[in-house]
Amino acid sequence: MVLSRLREQKKEKTIYKMNHKWNYQPPSQEQTEAAKALAKETGISPILCKLLLERGITSAAEAKRFFRPQLNELHDPFLMKDMSIAVERLNQA
């Protein structure tokens, strides 16, 4: 009985379904020009600037703060799950 059930399960093919539908829209002319302007201002890739603009970062100062934050601008690492366990383990090593 068990063997026949296993054989049946092997015969069935697993079908994976996507849970989300991706809606890609190419950037508008305004977005492309804004990315180019930010790239010129910051000296980084226009592609990366498009991503920054998607995050709401629109100036060189904001980009600098994003890439090189001050310690007081960072999140508390102990907000991560099981961080205290990891710290204890590192202290034991």
N, C-alpha and C. Protein backbone atom coordinates (compact mmCIF):
# COMPACT_ATOMS: atom_id res chain seq x y z
N MET A 1 0.83 -1.20 0.00
CA MET A 1 0.00 0.00 0.00
C MET A 1 0.87 1.25 0.00
N VAL A 2 1.84 1.29 0.92
CA VAL A 2 2.70 2.46 1.02
C VAL A 2 3.56 2.60 -0.23
N LEU A 3 4.07 1.48 -0.74
CA LEU A 3 4.90 1.54 -1.94
C LEU A 3 4.11 2.02 -3.15
N SER A 4 2.88 1.58 -3.27
CA SER A 4 2.07 2.02 -4.41
C SER A 4 1.78 3.51 -4.33
N ARG A 5 1.58 4.02 -3.10
CA ARG A 5 1.33 5.45 -2.93
C ARG A 5 2.58 6.25 -3.32
N LEU A 6 3.75 5.77 -2.92
CA LEU A 6 5.00 6.45 -3.27
C LEU A 6 5.21 6.47 -4.78
N ARG A 7 4.89 5.36 -5.44
CA ARG A 7 5.02 5.30 -6.89
C ARG A 7 4.09 6.29 -7.57
N GLU A 8 2.88 6.42 -7.05
CA GLU A 8 1.92 7.37 -7.62
C GLU A 8 2.41 8.81 -7.43
N GLN A 9 2.99 9.09 -6.27
CA GLN A 9 3.48 10.43 -6.01
C GLN A 9 4.64 10.78 -6.94
N LYS A 10 5.49 9.83 -7.24
CA LYS A 10 6.61 10.08 -8.14
C LYS A 10 6.13 10.36 -9.55
N LYS A 11 5.02 9.74 -9.94
CA LYS A 11 4.50 9.94 -11.28
C LYS A 11 3.91 11.33 -11.47
N GLU A 12 3.37 11.88 -10.38
CA GLU A 12 2.77 13.21 -10.47
C GLU A 12 3.86 14.25 -10.64
N LYS A 13 3.63 15.17 -11.51
CA LYS A 13 4.60 16.24 -11.71
C LYS A 13 4.20 17.42 -10.84
N THR A 14 5.20 18.03 -10.27
CA THR A 14 4.95 19.20 -9.44
C THR A 14 4.85 20.42 -10.35
N ILE A 15 3.81 21.16 -10.18
CA ILE A 15 3.61 22.38 -10.95
C ILE A 15 3.71 23.56 -9.99
N TYR A 16 4.62 24.46 -10.31
CA TYR A 16 4.79 25.64 -9.48
C TYR A 16 4.05 26.80 -10.11
N LYS A 17 3.31 27.51 -9.28
CA LYS A 17 2.56 28.66 -9.77
C LYS A 17 3.16 29.92 -9.19
N MET A 18 3.17 30.96 -9.99
CA MET A 18 3.65 32.25 -9.50
C MET A 18 2.55 32.89 -8.66
N ASN A 19 2.92 33.41 -7.51
CA ASN A 19 1.95 34.04 -6.64
C ASN A 19 1.76 35.51 -6.93
N HIS A 20 2.69 36.09 -7.67
CA HIS A 20 2.62 37.52 -7.94
C HIS A 20 2.75 37.77 -9.44
N LYS A 21 2.11 38.79 -9.88
CA LYS A 21 2.23 39.18 -11.27
C LYS A 21 3.11 40.42 -11.32
N TRP A 22 4.15 40.36 -12.12
CA TRP A 22 5.07 41.48 -12.25
C TRP A 22 4.51 42.46 -13.27
N ASN A 23 4.47 43.71 -12.90
CA ASN A 23 4.00 44.75 -13.80
C ASN A 23 5.15 45.72 -14.06
N TYR A 24 5.93 45.44 -15.09
CA TYR A 24 7.06 46.29 -15.42
C TYR A 24 6.62 47.39 -16.36
N GLN A 25 6.98 48.58 -16.02
CA GLN A 25 6.74 49.71 -16.90
C GLN A 25 8.08 50.39 -17.16
N PRO A 26 8.44 50.57 -18.41
CA PRO A 26 9.71 51.24 -18.69
C PRO A 26 9.70 52.65 -18.11
N PRO A 27 10.87 53.15 -17.72
CA PRO A 27 10.90 54.49 -17.14
C PRO A 27 10.48 55.55 -18.15
N SER A 28 9.82 56.57 -17.64
CA SER A 28 9.39 57.66 -18.52
C SER A 28 10.61 58.51 -18.88
N GLN A 29 10.41 59.40 -19.82
CA GLN A 29 11.48 60.32 -20.23
C GLN A 29 11.92 61.18 -19.05
N GLU A 30 10.97 61.62 -18.24
CA GLU A 30 11.29 62.44 -17.06
C GLU A 30 12.15 61.66 -16.07
N GLN A 31 11.80 60.39 -15.83
CA GLN A 31 12.57 59.56 -14.90
C GLN A 31 13.99 59.32 -15.42
N THR A 32 14.10 59.09 -16.72
CA THR A 32 15.41 58.86 -17.32
C THR A 32 16.28 60.10 -17.20
N GLU A 33 15.70 61.26 -17.47
CA GLU A 33 16.46 62.50 -17.37
C GLU A 33 16.83 62.82 -15.93
N ALA A 34 15.93 62.54 -15.00
CA ALA A 34 16.23 62.76 -13.58
C ALA A 34 17.37 61.84 -13.13
N ALA A 35 17.37 60.61 -13.61
CA ALA A 35 18.44 59.67 -13.27
C ALA A 35 19.76 60.13 -13.85
N LYS A 36 19.74 60.64 -15.08
CA LYS A 36 20.97 61.15 -15.70
C LYS A 36 21.50 62.35 -14.94
N ALA A 37 20.60 63.24 -14.51
CA ALA A 37 21.02 64.43 -13.76
C ALA A 37 21.62 64.02 -12.41
N LEU A 38 20.98 63.08 -11.74
CA LEU A 38 21.51 62.61 -10.46
C LEU A 38 22.85 61.90 -10.65
N ALA A 39 22.98 61.16 -11.75
CA ALA A 39 24.24 60.47 -12.05
C ALA A 39 25.36 61.48 -12.27
N LYS A 40 25.05 62.55 -12.97
CA LYS A 40 26.06 63.59 -13.22
C LYS A 40 26.44 64.28 -11.91
N GLU A 41 25.47 64.51 -11.06
CA GLU A 41 25.70 65.19 -9.79
C GLU A 41 26.49 64.32 -8.81
N THR A 42 26.24 63.01 -8.83
CA THR A 42 26.87 62.11 -7.86
C THR A 42 28.09 61.39 -8.40
N GLY A 43 28.16 61.24 -9.72
CA GLY A 43 29.27 60.49 -10.31
C GLY A 43 29.07 58.99 -10.27
N ILE A 44 27.83 58.54 -10.14
CA ILE A 44 27.55 57.10 -10.14
C ILE A 44 26.68 56.74 -11.34
N SER A 45 26.50 55.47 -11.56
CA SER A 45 25.79 54.96 -12.73
C SER A 45 24.35 55.46 -12.80
N PRO A 46 23.88 55.81 -14.02
CA PRO A 46 22.47 56.20 -14.17
C PRO A 46 21.50 55.07 -13.79
N ILE A 47 21.91 53.84 -13.99
CA ILE A 47 21.05 52.71 -13.61
C ILE A 47 20.87 52.68 -12.10
N LEU A 48 21.96 52.86 -11.37
CA LEU A 48 21.88 52.92 -9.91
C LEU A 48 21.08 54.13 -9.47
N CYS A 49 21.21 55.22 -10.19
CA CYS A 49 20.44 56.43 -9.85
C CYS A 49 18.94 56.21 -10.04
N LYS A 50 18.57 55.40 -11.02
CA LYS A 50 17.15 55.06 -11.19
C LYS A 50 16.62 54.35 -9.95
N LEU A 51 17.43 53.44 -9.41
CA LEU A 51 17.03 52.73 -8.19
C LEU A 51 16.94 53.69 -7.01
N LEU A 52 17.88 54.62 -6.92
CA LEU A 52 17.83 55.61 -5.85
C LEU A 52 16.56 56.45 -5.95
N LEU A 53 16.23 56.86 -7.15
CA LEU A 53 15.01 57.65 -7.35
C LEU A 53 13.77 56.86 -6.96
N GLU A 54 13.77 55.55 -7.23
CA GLU A 54 12.65 54.70 -6.82
C GLU A 54 12.51 54.67 -5.30
N ARG A 55 13.62 54.82 -4.59
CA ARG A 55 13.60 54.84 -3.12
C ARG A 55 13.31 56.24 -2.58
N GLY A 56 13.13 57.20 -3.47
CA GLY A 56 12.83 58.56 -3.02
C GLY A 56 14.06 59.41 -2.76
N ILE A 57 15.22 58.94 -3.18
CA ILE A 57 16.47 59.69 -3.00
C ILE A 57 16.68 60.52 -4.25
N THR A 58 16.61 61.85 -4.10
CA THR A 58 16.60 62.71 -5.27
C THR A 58 17.77 63.68 -5.35
N SER A 59 18.64 63.71 -4.36
CA SER A 59 19.76 64.65 -4.39
C SER A 59 21.06 63.93 -4.06
N ALA A 60 22.18 64.59 -4.38
CA ALA A 60 23.49 64.01 -4.10
C ALA A 60 23.70 63.87 -2.59
N ALA A 61 23.20 64.83 -1.82
CA ALA A 61 23.35 64.76 -0.36
C ALA A 61 22.60 63.56 0.21
N GLU A 62 21.39 63.31 -0.29
CA GLU A 62 20.62 62.15 0.17
C GLU A 62 21.31 60.85 -0.25
N ALA A 63 21.89 60.83 -1.45
CA ALA A 63 22.59 59.63 -1.92
C ALA A 63 23.81 59.37 -1.04
N LYS A 64 24.54 60.42 -0.70
CA LYS A 64 25.71 60.25 0.17
C LYS A 64 25.29 59.72 1.53
N ARG A 65 24.20 60.26 2.06
CA ARG A 65 23.70 59.81 3.37
C ARG A 65 23.23 58.36 3.29
N PHE A 66 22.69 57.95 2.14
CA PHE A 66 22.24 56.57 1.95
C PHE A 66 23.43 55.61 1.90
N PHE A 67 24.48 55.97 1.14
CA PHE A 67 25.63 55.09 0.98
C PHE A 67 26.61 55.14 2.14
N ARG A 68 26.69 56.27 2.82
CA ARG A 68 27.62 56.44 3.94
C ARG A 68 26.89 57.06 5.13
N PRO A 69 26.01 56.29 5.76
CA PRO A 69 25.23 56.84 6.87
C PRO A 69 26.10 57.03 8.13
N GLN A 70 25.67 57.94 8.97
CA GLN A 70 26.29 58.12 10.28
C GLN A 70 25.76 57.02 11.20
N LEU A 71 26.48 56.75 12.27
CA LEU A 71 26.05 55.69 13.19
C LEU A 71 24.66 55.95 13.76
N ASN A 72 24.35 57.21 14.04
CA ASN A 72 23.04 57.52 14.62
C ASN A 72 21.89 57.37 13.62
N GLU A 73 22.21 57.20 12.33
CA GLU A 73 21.18 57.02 11.30
C GLU A 73 20.88 55.55 11.02
N LEU A 74 21.68 54.65 11.59
CA LEU A 74 21.49 53.22 11.35
C LEU A 74 20.45 52.64 12.30
N HIS A 75 19.82 51.55 11.87
CA HIS A 75 18.86 50.85 12.72
C HIS A 75 19.61 50.09 13.81
N ASP A 76 18.94 49.85 14.91
CA ASP A 76 19.50 49.06 16.00
C ASP A 76 19.64 47.61 15.52
N PRO A 77 20.86 47.04 15.51
CA PRO A 77 21.02 45.67 15.02
C PRO A 77 20.30 44.64 15.88
N PHE A 78 19.98 44.97 17.12
CA PHE A 78 19.29 44.02 17.97
C PHE A 78 17.80 43.91 17.63
N LEU A 79 17.35 44.66 16.64
CA LEU A 79 15.99 44.48 16.14
C LEU A 79 15.89 43.22 15.27
N MET A 80 17.05 42.73 14.82
CA MET A 80 17.06 41.50 14.02
C MET A 80 16.79 40.30 14.92
N LYS A 81 16.07 39.35 14.38
CA LYS A 81 15.70 38.15 15.14
C LYS A 81 16.95 37.40 15.60
N ASP A 82 16.97 37.00 16.85
CA ASP A 82 18.02 36.18 17.45
C ASP A 82 19.40 36.83 17.44
N MET A 83 19.46 38.15 17.38
CA MET A 83 20.75 38.83 17.39
C MET A 83 21.49 38.59 18.70
N SER A 84 20.78 38.58 19.82
CA SER A 84 21.45 38.36 21.10
C SER A 84 22.08 36.96 21.16
N ILE A 85 21.44 35.98 20.55
CA ILE A 85 22.00 34.63 20.50
C ILE A 85 23.28 34.63 19.66
N ALA A 86 23.25 35.34 18.55
CA ALA A 86 24.44 35.41 17.69
C ALA A 86 25.59 36.10 18.40
N VAL A 87 25.29 37.16 19.14
CA VAL A 87 26.33 37.88 19.88
C VAL A 87 26.95 36.98 20.95
N GLU A 88 26.11 36.24 21.65
CA GLU A 88 26.62 35.31 22.66
C GLU A 88 27.53 34.27 22.03
N ARG A 89 27.12 33.76 20.88
CA ARG A 89 27.93 32.74 20.19
C ARG A 89 29.26 33.32 19.75
N LEU A 90 29.27 34.53 19.23
CA LEU A 90 30.52 35.16 18.80
C LEU A 90 31.44 35.43 20.00
N ASN A 91 30.86 35.79 21.12
CA ASN A 91 31.67 36.03 22.31
C ASN A 91 32.31 34.75 22.82
N GLN A 92 31.66 33.61 22.59
CA GLN A 92 32.21 32.33 23.02
C GLN A 92 33.35 31.86 22.11
N ALA A 93 33.36 32.31 20.90
CA ALA A 93 34.36 31.84 19.91
C ALA A 93 35.76 32.34 20.22
